[in-house]
Amino acid sequence: MTNTISQSTIRDFLTCRYLYLLKHKRGLVPATEDSAEGSERQVAARRGQQFHRAAQQYFSGLDSDSVQSTIQDSAVRAWFEQFVDRGIIGVPDNRSVEAWVTAPLADRVLVARYDLIAWDSDRLVICDWKTGSRPSEDPRTQIQTIVYRYVAARGARAATGVAYAPDQIEVRYWYVRDSAPVLQIAYSQEEFERDKAHLEALIAEVASCTDFPKTENLEACGACLYRAVCRPDVPARAWLPDDDDSLVPDDAGWSEL
């Protein structure tokens, strides 16, 4: 059992409580591998994993030509070429790839896996590679951004040796499919206080939840891996990953209370 929780677990709860029940409390694994829908998801997942692996190798010191020679998928290779050409501009030189940071909140521990963190004595930049489409909603209100910034403000000192005020922290999302891929999001003390209260309320809500209804948002159902279990009549819709949180380990979720 564990008392850690990741942003993907919270996101599932907010998206559909029945999804949360099936995935995180019952541990149900969806079976889509043999379907066309499953194949589409597998291709998208493989591409996301390949790009993340390439970026990790690149920032670990392997030269770009050597990294490109290992990429078999032409789409991923094009993403990586643009990534190298554009470069990571204006971020500090101290860098850690695939960095894990935790922060206490209420009686739980929030865990975040950052694709890259870069820092100096004055600021911390969180970088996250996105192989899916840009979200329609404001990324500042997304649970990933809320968790990423809050965890950095509370826990980054263990990884960097420096404690940062919220206004010294920035998130950069890199959307590999876009011609203008970089989205920069600043932080503030006011946002930190708001996020803390919001996350505390969410943790209390999940902890006390005993009712797990299905979402009424059928658009979300169309892209859900568990659609065949509870709403097989809802047609599948085109799916692209909206984040790359699949690398968070399975035990970084909510424990049974």
C-alpha atoms as a PDB file:
ATOM      1  CA  MET A   1       0.000   0.000   0.000  1.00  0.00           C
ATOM      2  CA  THR A   2       1.142   3.528  -0.640  1.00  0.00           C
ATOM      3  CA  ASN A   3       0.006   7.006   0.250  1.00  0.00           C
ATOM      4  CA  THR A   4       1.434   8.627  -2.889  1.00  0.00           C
ATOM      5  CA  ILE A   5      -0.711  10.094  -5.627  1.00  0.00           C
ATOM      6  CA  SER A   6       0.125  11.438  -9.093  1.00  0.00           C
ATOM      7  CA  GLN A   7      -1.619  13.968 -11.274  1.00  0.00           C
ATOM      8  CA  SER A   8      -2.883  11.221 -13.583  1.00  0.00           C
ATOM      9  CA  THR A   9      -4.762   9.568 -10.716  1.00  0.00           C
ATOM     10  CA  ILE A  10      -6.428  12.856  -9.788  1.00  0.00           C
ATOM     11  CA  ARG A  11      -7.198  13.509 -13.449  1.00  0.00           C
ATOM     12  CA  ASP A  12      -8.932  10.142 -13.797  1.00  0.00           C
ATOM     13  CA  PHE A  13     -11.073  10.901 -10.730  1.00  0.00           C
ATOM     14  CA  LEU A  14     -12.057  14.284 -12.153  1.00  0.00           C
ATOM     15  CA  THR A  15     -12.777  12.836 -15.600  1.00  0.00           C
ATOM     16  CA  CYS A  16     -14.966   9.953 -14.428  1.00  0.00           C
ATOM     17  CA  ARG A  17     -15.362   8.476 -10.979  1.00  0.00           C
ATOM     18  CA  TYR A  18     -16.280   5.108 -12.480  1.00  0.00           C
ATOM     19  CA  LEU A  19     -13.028   5.157 -14.462  1.00  0.00           C
ATOM     20  CA  TYR A  20     -11.197   5.862 -11.207  1.00  0.00           C
ATOM     21  CA  LEU A  21     -12.995   2.950  -9.553  1.00  0.00           C
ATOM     22  CA  LEU A  22     -12.143   0.494 -12.327  1.00  0.00           C
ATOM     23  CA  LYS A  23      -8.547   1.575 -12.834  1.00  0.00           C
ATOM     24  CA  HIS A  24      -7.266   2.597  -9.417  1.00  0.00           C
ATOM     25  CA  LYS A  25      -9.394   0.745  -6.880  1.00  0.00           C
ATOM     26  CA  ARG A  26     -10.166  -2.471  -8.764  1.00  0.00           C
ATOM     27  CA  GLY A  27      -6.988  -2.544 -10.850  1.00  0.00           C
ATOM     28  CA  LEU A  28      -8.817  -3.487 -14.030  1.00  0.00           C
ATOM     29  CA  VAL A  29      -6.628  -3.615 -17.127  1.00  0.00           C
ATOM     30  CA  PRO A  30      -8.463  -2.861 -20.410  1.00  0.00           C
ATOM     31  CA  ALA A  31      -8.017  -5.253 -23.320  1.00  0.00           C
ATOM     32  CA  THR A  32      -7.756  -3.323 -26.598  1.00  0.00           C
ATOM     33  CA  GLU A  33      -4.627  -4.836 -28.075  1.00  0.00           C
ATOM     34  CA  ASP A  34      -6.379  -6.772 -30.839  1.00  0.00           C
ATOM     35  CA  SER A  35      -8.719  -4.013 -32.019  1.00  0.00           C
ATOM     36  CA  ALA A  36      -8.152  -1.219 -34.484  1.00  0.00           C
ATOM     37  CA  GLU A  37      -8.736   1.174 -31.621  1.00  0.00           C
ATOM     38  CA  GLY A  38      -6.087  -0.583 -29.592  1.00  0.00           C
ATOM     39  CA  SER A  39      -3.653  -0.485 -32.505  1.00  0.00           C
ATOM     40  CA  GLU A  40      -4.133   3.279 -32.847  1.00  0.00           C
ATOM     41  CA  ARG A  41      -3.449   3.767 -29.172  1.00  0.00           C
ATOM     42  CA  GLN A  42      -0.439   1.492 -29.306  1.00  0.00           C
ATOM     43  CA  VAL A  43       1.087   3.438 -32.199  1.00  0.00           C
ATOM     44  CA  ALA A  44       0.546   6.740 -30.379  1.00  0.00           C
ATOM     45  CA  ALA A  45       1.942   5.298 -27.147  1.00  0.00           C
ATOM     46  CA  ARG A  46       5.000   3.857 -28.911  1.00  0.00           C
ATOM     47  CA  ARG A  47       5.707   7.167 -30.604  1.00  0.00           C
ATOM     48  CA  GLY A  48       5.418   8.994 -27.311  1.00  0.00           C
ATOM     49  CA  GLN A  49       7.775   6.548 -25.633  1.00  0.00           C
ATOM     50  CA  GLN A  50      10.259   6.743 -28.519  1.00  0.00           C
ATOM     51  CA  PHE A  51      10.340  10.530 -28.422  1.00  0.00           C
ATOM     52  CA  HIS A  52      10.772  10.627 -24.664  1.00  0.00           C
ATOM     53  CA  ARG A  53      13.561   8.075 -24.879  1.00  0.00           C
ATOM     54  CA  ALA A  54      15.278  10.108 -27.606  1.00  0.00           C
ATOM     55  CA  ALA A  55      15.042  13.322 -25.581  1.00  0.00           C
ATOM     56  CA  GLN A  56      16.353  11.524 -22.513  1.00  0.00           C
ATOM     57  CA  GLN A  57      19.358  10.189 -24.441  1.00  0.00           C
ATOM     58  CA  TYR A  58      20.009  13.606 -25.948  1.00  0.00           C
ATOM     59  CA  PHE A  59      20.029  15.405 -22.615  1.00  0.00           C
ATOM     60  CA  SER A  60      22.095  12.633 -21.073  1.00  0.00           C
ATOM     61  CA  GLY A  61      24.934  13.551 -23.447  1.00  0.00           C
ATOM     62  CA  LEU A  62      24.431  11.439 -26.587  1.00  0.00           C
ATOM     63  CA  ASP A  63      24.895  13.495 -29.750  1.00  0.00           C
ATOM     64  CA  SER A  64      21.834  14.154 -31.894  1.00  0.00           C
ATOM     65  CA  ASP A  65      23.048  12.119 -34.904  1.00  0.00           C
ATOM     66  CA  SER A  66      23.530   9.056 -32.743  1.00  0.00           C
ATOM     67  CA  VAL A  67      20.086   9.507 -31.198  1.00  0.00           C
ATOM     68  CA  GLN A  68      18.427   9.937 -34.597  1.00  0.00           C
ATOM     69  CA  SER A  69      20.029   6.739 -35.864  1.00  0.00           C
ATOM     70  CA  THR A  70      18.107   4.798 -33.201  1.00  0.00           C
ATOM     71  CA  ILE A  71      14.687   6.231 -34.156  1.00  0.00           C
ATOM     72  CA  GLN A  72      12.842   3.940 -36.560  1.00  0.00           C
ATOM     73  CA  ASP A  73       9.547   5.843 -36.817  1.00  0.00           C
ATOM     74  CA  SER A  74       9.682   8.645 -39.406  1.00  0.00           C
ATOM     75  CA  ALA A  75       7.188  10.822 -37.520  1.00  0.00           C
ATOM     76  CA  VAL A  76       9.219  10.600 -34.327  1.00  0.00           C
ATOM     77  CA  ARG A  77      12.390  11.335 -36.254  1.00  0.00           C
ATOM     78  CA  ALA A  78      10.818  14.509 -37.689  1.00  0.00           C
ATOM     79  CA  TRP A  79       9.674  15.588 -34.223  1.00  0.00           C
ATOM     80  CA  PHE A  80      13.151  15.051 -32.832  1.00  0.00           C
ATOM     81  CA  GLU A  81      14.844  16.912 -35.684  1.00  0.00           C
ATOM     82  CA  GLN A  82      12.653  19.959 -35.025  1.00  0.00           C
ATOM     83  CA  PHE A  83      13.323  19.594 -31.312  1.00  0.00           C
ATOM     84  CA  VAL A  84      17.089  19.693 -31.849  1.00  0.00           C
ATOM     85  CA  ASP A  85      16.911  22.500 -34.432  1.00  0.00           C
ATOM     86  CA  ARG A  86      14.850  24.733 -32.153  1.00  0.00           C
ATOM     87  CA  GLY A  87      16.846  23.843 -29.079  1.00  0.00           C
ATOM     88  CA  ILE A  88      15.952  24.479 -25.468  1.00  0.00           C
ATOM     89  CA  ILE A  89      16.514  28.218 -25.405  1.00  0.00           C
ATOM     90  CA  GLY A  90      16.875  30.313 -22.294  1.00  0.00           C
ATOM     91  CA  VAL A  91      16.886  27.588 -19.659  1.00  0.00           C
ATOM     92  CA  PRO A  92      19.597  27.159 -17.006  1.00  0.00           C
ATOM     93  CA  ASP A  93      22.536  24.845 -17.573  1.00  0.00           C
ATOM     94  CA  ASN A  94      22.043  22.593 -14.526  1.00  0.00           C
ATOM     95  CA  ARG A  95      19.719  19.869 -15.798  1.00  0.00           C
ATOM     96  CA  SER A  96      18.241  16.588 -14.642  1.00  0.00           C
ATOM     97  CA  VAL A  97      16.417  14.226 -17.010  1.00  0.00           C
ATOM     98  CA  GLU A  98      13.436  12.131 -15.874  1.00  0.00           C
ATOM     99  CA  ALA A  99      13.537  13.756 -12.462  1.00  0.00           C
ATOM    100  CA  TRP A 100      11.255  12.507  -9.687  1.00  0.00           C
ATOM    101  CA  VAL A 101      10.136  15.030  -7.073  1.00  0.00           C
ATOM    102  CA  THR A 102       7.703  14.570  -4.194  1.00  0.00           C
ATOM    103  CA  ALA A 103       5.917  16.989  -1.892  1.00  0.00           C
ATOM    104  CA  PRO A 104       3.751  16.407   1.176  1.00  0.00           C
ATOM    105  CA  LEU A 105       0.156  17.582   1.181  1.00  0.00           C
ATOM    106  CA  ALA A 106      -2.390  16.805   3.877  1.00  0.00           C
ATOM    107  CA  ASP A 107      -1.742  13.147   4.788  1.00  0.00           C
ATOM    108  CA  ARG A 108      -0.556  12.225   1.305  1.00  0.00           C
ATOM    109  CA  VAL A 109       2.524  12.634  -0.870  1.00  0.00           C
ATOM    110  CA  LEU A 110       2.226  14.144  -4.336  1.00  0.00           C
ATOM    111  CA  VAL A 111       4.657  12.672  -6.842  1.00  0.00           C
ATOM    112  CA  ALA A 112       5.700  14.266 -10.136  1.00  0.00           C
ATOM    113  CA  ARG A 113       7.949  12.953 -12.885  1.00  0.00           C
ATOM    114  CA  TYR A 114       9.480  15.778 -14.892  1.00  0.00           C
ATOM    115  CA  ASP A 115      10.869  15.116 -18.361  1.00  0.00           C
ATOM    116  CA  LEU A 116      13.545  17.699 -17.604  1.00  0.00           C
ATOM    117  CA  ILE A 117      14.228  20.221 -14.873  1.00  0.00           C
ATOM    118  CA  ALA A 118      16.767  22.984 -15.384  1.00  0.00           C
ATOM    119  CA  TRP A 119      17.920  25.327 -12.654  1.00  0.00           C
ATOM    120  CA  ASP A 120      20.349  27.854 -11.293  1.00  0.00           C
ATOM    121  CA  SER A 121      20.350  29.853  -8.074  1.00  0.00           C
ATOM    122  CA  ASP A 122      17.539  32.127  -9.293  1.00  0.00           C
ATOM    123  CA  ARG A 123      15.019  29.970 -11.137  1.00  0.00           C
ATOM    124  CA  LEU A 124      13.710  26.510 -11.908  1.00  0.00           C
ATOM    125  CA  VAL A 125      12.321  25.556 -15.318  1.00  0.00           C
ATOM    126  CA  ILE A 126      10.180  22.422 -15.681  1.00  0.00           C
ATOM    127  CA  CYS A 127      10.136  21.026 -19.234  1.00  0.00           C
ATOM    128  CA  ASP A 128       7.566  18.516 -20.453  1.00  0.00           C
ATOM    129  CA  TRP A 129       7.414  16.984 -23.934  1.00  0.00           C
ATOM    130  CA  LYS A 130       3.928  16.562 -25.425  1.00  0.00           C
ATOM    131  CA  THR A 131       3.421  14.130 -28.311  1.00  0.00           C
ATOM    132  CA  GLY A 132      -0.352  14.621 -28.344  1.00  0.00           C
ATOM    133  CA  SER A 133      -2.440  17.552 -29.459  1.00  0.00           C
ATOM    134  CA  ARG A 134      -2.539  20.909 -27.697  1.00  0.00           C
ATOM    135  CA  PRO A 135      -5.417  20.993 -25.178  1.00  0.00           C
ATOM    136  CA  SER A 136      -8.452  23.141 -25.915  1.00  0.00           C
ATOM    137  CA  GLU A 137      -8.643  24.348 -22.309  1.00  0.00           C
ATOM    138  CA  ASP A 138      -6.162  26.669 -20.621  1.00  0.00           C
ATOM    139  CA  PRO A 139      -3.149  24.540 -19.579  1.00  0.00           C
ATOM    140  CA  ARG A 140      -2.833  26.680 -16.444  1.00  0.00           C
ATOM    141  CA  THR A 141      -6.035  25.143 -15.110  1.00  0.00           C
ATOM    142  CA  GLN A 142      -5.079  21.540 -15.923  1.00  0.00           C
ATOM    143  CA  ILE A 143      -4.313  19.256 -13.029  1.00  0.00           C
ATOM    144  CA  GLN A 144      -0.894  18.397 -14.459  1.00  0.00           C
ATOM    145  CA  THR A 145       0.210  22.039 -14.366  1.00  0.00           C
ATOM    146  CA  ILE A 146      -1.250  22.520 -10.898  1.00  0.00           C
ATOM    147  CA  VAL A 147       0.557  19.466  -9.517  1.00  0.00           C
ATOM    148  CA  TYR A 148       3.825  20.107 -11.367  1.00  0.00           C
ATOM    149  CA  ARG A 149       4.198  23.657 -10.096  1.00  0.00           C
ATOM    150  CA  TYR A 150       3.050  22.923  -6.550  1.00  0.00           C
ATOM    151  CA  VAL A 151       5.381  19.929  -6.189  1.00  0.00           C
ATOM    152  CA  ALA A 152       8.304  21.975  -7.517  1.00  0.00           C
ATOM    153  CA  ALA A 153       7.632  24.784  -5.050  1.00  0.00           C
ATOM    154  CA  ARG A 154       7.457  22.371  -2.110  1.00  0.00           C
ATOM    155  CA  GLY A 155       9.914  19.648  -3.058  1.00  0.00           C
ATOM    156  CA  ALA A 156      12.467  20.735  -5.675  1.00  0.00           C
ATOM    157  CA  ARG A 157      15.166  21.461  -3.104  1.00  0.00           C
ATOM    158  CA  ALA A 158      15.818  17.720  -2.713  1.00  0.00           C
ATOM    159  CA  ALA A 159      16.653  17.482  -6.428  1.00  0.00           C
ATOM    160  CA  THR A 160      18.413  20.808  -6.977  1.00  0.00           C
ATOM    161  CA  GLY A 161      19.808  21.847  -3.609  1.00  0.00           C
ATOM    162  CA  VAL A 162      17.913  25.127  -3.915  1.00  0.00           C
ATOM    163  CA  ALA A 163      14.503  26.123  -2.506  1.00  0.00           C
ATOM    164  CA  TYR A 164      12.469  28.206  -4.936  1.00  0.00           C
ATOM    165  CA  ALA A 165       9.696  30.706  -4.368  1.00  0.00           C
ATOM    166  CA  PRO A 166       6.719  30.246  -6.725  1.00  0.00           C
ATOM    167  CA  ASP A 167       7.673  33.289  -8.817  1.00  0.00           C
ATOM    168  CA  GLN A 168      11.028  31.615  -9.572  1.00  0.00           C
ATOM    169  CA  ILE A 169       9.325  28.573 -11.156  1.00  0.00           C
ATOM    170  CA  GLU A 170       8.247  28.160 -14.774  1.00  0.00           C
ATOM    171  CA  VAL A 171       6.679  25.296 -16.750  1.00  0.00           C
ATOM    172  CA  ARG A 172       7.471  24.837 -20.437  1.00  0.00           C
ATOM    173  CA  TYR A 173       5.375  22.453 -22.490  1.00  0.00           C
ATOM    174  CA  TRP A 174       6.850  21.405 -25.833  1.00  0.00           C
ATOM    175  CA  TYR A 175       4.175  20.254 -28.323  1.00  0.00           C
ATOM    176  CA  VAL A 176       6.165  18.237 -30.841  1.00  0.00           C
ATOM    177  CA  ARG A 177       3.424  18.319 -33.499  1.00  0.00           C
ATOM    178  CA  ASP A 178       3.240  22.135 -33.624  1.00  0.00           C
ATOM    179  CA  SER A 179       5.241  24.557 -35.712  1.00  0.00           C
ATOM    180  CA  ALA A 180       5.361  26.859 -32.661  1.00  0.00           C
ATOM    181  CA  PRO A 181       5.813  24.153 -30.038  1.00  0.00           C
ATOM    182  CA  VAL A 182       6.770  26.000 -26.846  1.00  0.00           C
ATOM    183  CA  LEU A 183       4.253  27.170 -24.254  1.00  0.00           C
ATOM    184  CA  GLN A 184       5.704  28.972 -21.216  1.00  0.00           C
ATOM    185  CA  ILE A 185       3.711  29.206 -17.975  1.00  0.00           C
ATOM    186  CA  ALA A 186       4.888  31.324 -15.040  1.00  0.00           C
ATOM    187  CA  TYR A 187       3.901  30.921 -11.379  1.00  0.00           C
ATOM    188  CA  SER A 188       3.138  33.214  -8.440  1.00  0.00           C
ATOM    189  CA  GLN A 189       2.627  33.078  -4.700  1.00  0.00           C
ATOM    190  CA  GLU A 190      -1.077  33.758  -5.181  1.00  0.00           C
ATOM    191  CA  GLU A 191      -1.390  30.805  -7.572  1.00  0.00           C
ATOM    192  CA  PHE A 192       0.575  28.614  -5.163  1.00  0.00           C
ATOM    193  CA  GLU A 193      -1.821  29.354  -2.299  1.00  0.00           C
ATOM    194  CA  ARG A 194      -4.801  28.749  -4.563  1.00  0.00           C
ATOM    195  CA  ASP A 195      -3.351  25.462  -5.857  1.00  0.00           C
ATOM    196  CA  LYS A 196      -2.592  24.272  -2.327  1.00  0.00           C
ATOM    197  CA  ALA A 197      -6.188  24.823  -1.238  1.00  0.00           C
ATOM    198  CA  HIS A 198      -7.504  23.227  -4.427  1.00  0.00           C
ATOM    199  CA  LEU A 199      -5.332  20.123  -4.073  1.00  0.00           C
ATOM    200  CA  GLU A 200      -6.189  19.734  -0.390  1.00  0.00           C
ATOM    201  CA  ALA A 201      -9.887  19.848  -1.276  1.00  0.00           C
ATOM    202  CA  LEU A 202      -9.398  17.267  -4.042  1.00  0.00           C
ATOM    203  CA  ILE A 203      -7.507  14.914  -1.745  1.00  0.00           C
ATOM    204  CA  ALA A 204     -10.273  15.173   0.860  1.00  0.00           C
ATOM    205  CA  GLU A 205     -12.912  14.550  -1.807  1.00  0.00           C
ATOM    206  CA  VAL A 206     -11.193  11.428  -3.122  1.00  0.00           C
ATOM    207  CA  ALA A 207     -10.541  10.124   0.381  1.00  0.00           C
ATOM    208  CA  SER A 208     -14.194  10.433   1.395  1.00  0.00           C
ATOM    209  CA  CYS A 209     -15.717   9.277  -1.901  1.00  0.00           C
ATOM    210  CA  THR A 210     -18.037   6.265  -1.735  1.00  0.00           C
ATOM    211  CA  ASP A 211     -20.057   6.871  -4.900  1.00  0.00           C
ATOM    212  CA  PHE A 212     -18.504   6.287  -8.320  1.00  0.00           C
ATOM    213  CA  PRO A 213     -20.992   7.221 -11.062  1.00  0.00           C
ATOM    214  CA  LYS A 214     -20.189   7.153 -14.755  1.00  0.00           C
ATOM    215  CA  THR A 215     -19.471  10.480 -16.357  1.00  0.00           C
ATOM    216  CA  GLU A 216     -22.196  12.144 -18.416  1.00  0.00           C
ATOM    217  CA  ASN A 217     -19.545  13.456 -20.820  1.00  0.00           C
ATOM    218  CA  LEU A 218     -19.899  10.936 -23.635  1.00  0.00           C
ATOM    219  CA  GLU A 219     -17.095  12.617 -25.571  1.00  0.00           C
ATOM    220  CA  ALA A 220     -14.737  11.552 -22.795  1.00  0.00           C
ATOM    221  CA  CYS A 221     -16.206   8.044 -22.995  1.00  0.00           C
ATOM    222  CA  GLY A 222     -15.397   7.825 -26.706  1.00  0.00           C
ATOM    223  CA  ALA A 223     -11.673   8.160 -25.974  1.00  0.00           C
ATOM    224  CA  CYS A 224     -11.638   6.069 -22.798  1.00  0.00           C
ATOM    225  CA  LEU A 225      -9.766   2.764 -22.638  1.00  0.00           C
ATOM    226  CA  TYR A 226     -12.534   1.340 -20.445  1.00  0.00           C
ATOM    227  CA  ARG A 227     -15.397   2.239 -22.799  1.00  0.00           C
ATOM    228  CA  ALA A 228     -15.944  -1.402 -23.781  1.00  0.00           C
ATOM    229  CA  VAL A 229     -16.508  -2.280 -20.123  1.00  0.00           C
ATOM    230  CA  CYS A 230     -19.205   0.221 -19.227  1.00  0.00           C
ATOM    231  CA  ARG A 231     -20.407   2.013 -22.392  1.00  0.00           C
ATOM    232  CA  PRO A 232     -19.750  -0.194 -25.438  1.00  0.00           C
ATOM    233  CA  ASP A 233     -22.574   1.552 -27.297  1.00  0.00           C
ATOM    234  CA  VAL A 234     -20.639   4.837 -27.369  1.00  0.00           C
ATOM    235  CA  PRO A 235     -18.659   5.033 -30.626  1.00  0.00           C
ATOM    236  CA  ALA A 236     -14.908   5.413 -30.394  1.00  0.00           C
ATOM    237  CA  ARG A 237     -13.481   8.735 -31.412  1.00  0.00           C
ATOM    238  CA  ALA A 238     -10.053   9.684 -32.687  1.00  0.00           C
ATOM    239  CA  TRP A 239      -7.534   9.492 -29.876  1.00  0.00           C
ATOM    240  CA  LEU A 240      -4.264  11.211 -29.248  1.00  0.00           C
ATOM    241  CA  PRO A 241      -2.451  11.326 -25.918  1.00  0.00           C
ATOM    242  CA  ASP A 242      -3.010  14.645 -24.166  1.00  0.00           C
ATOM    243  CA  ASP A 243      -0.002  14.091 -21.966  1.00  0.00           C
ATOM    244  CA  ASP A 244       2.752  11.584 -21.408  1.00  0.00           C
ATOM    245  CA  ASP A 245       2.051  10.603 -17.839  1.00  0.00           C
ATOM    246  CA  SER A 246       1.999   6.924 -18.780  1.00  0.00           C
ATOM    247  CA  LEU A 247       5.581   6.695 -17.534  1.00  0.00           C
ATOM    248  CA  VAL A 248       4.420   7.268 -13.946  1.00  0.00           C
ATOM    249  CA  PRO A 249       4.604   3.871 -12.211  1.00  0.00           C
ATOM    250  CA  ASP A 250       1.410   2.023 -11.392  1.00  0.00           C
ATOM    251  CA  ASP A 251       1.962   2.340  -7.659  1.00  0.00           C
ATOM    252  CA  ALA A 252       2.008   6.141  -7.873  1.00  0.00           C
ATOM    253  CA  GLY A 253      -1.700   6.177  -7.274  1.00  0.00           C
ATOM    254  CA  TRP A 254      -4.193   6.334  -4.475  1.00  0.00           C
ATOM    255  CA  SER A 255      -4.116   3.625  -1.875  1.00  0.00           C
ATOM    256  CA  GLU A 256      -7.192   1.988  -0.470  1.00  0.00           C
ATOM    257  CA  LEU A 257      -8.277   3.923   2.585  1.00  0.00           C
END
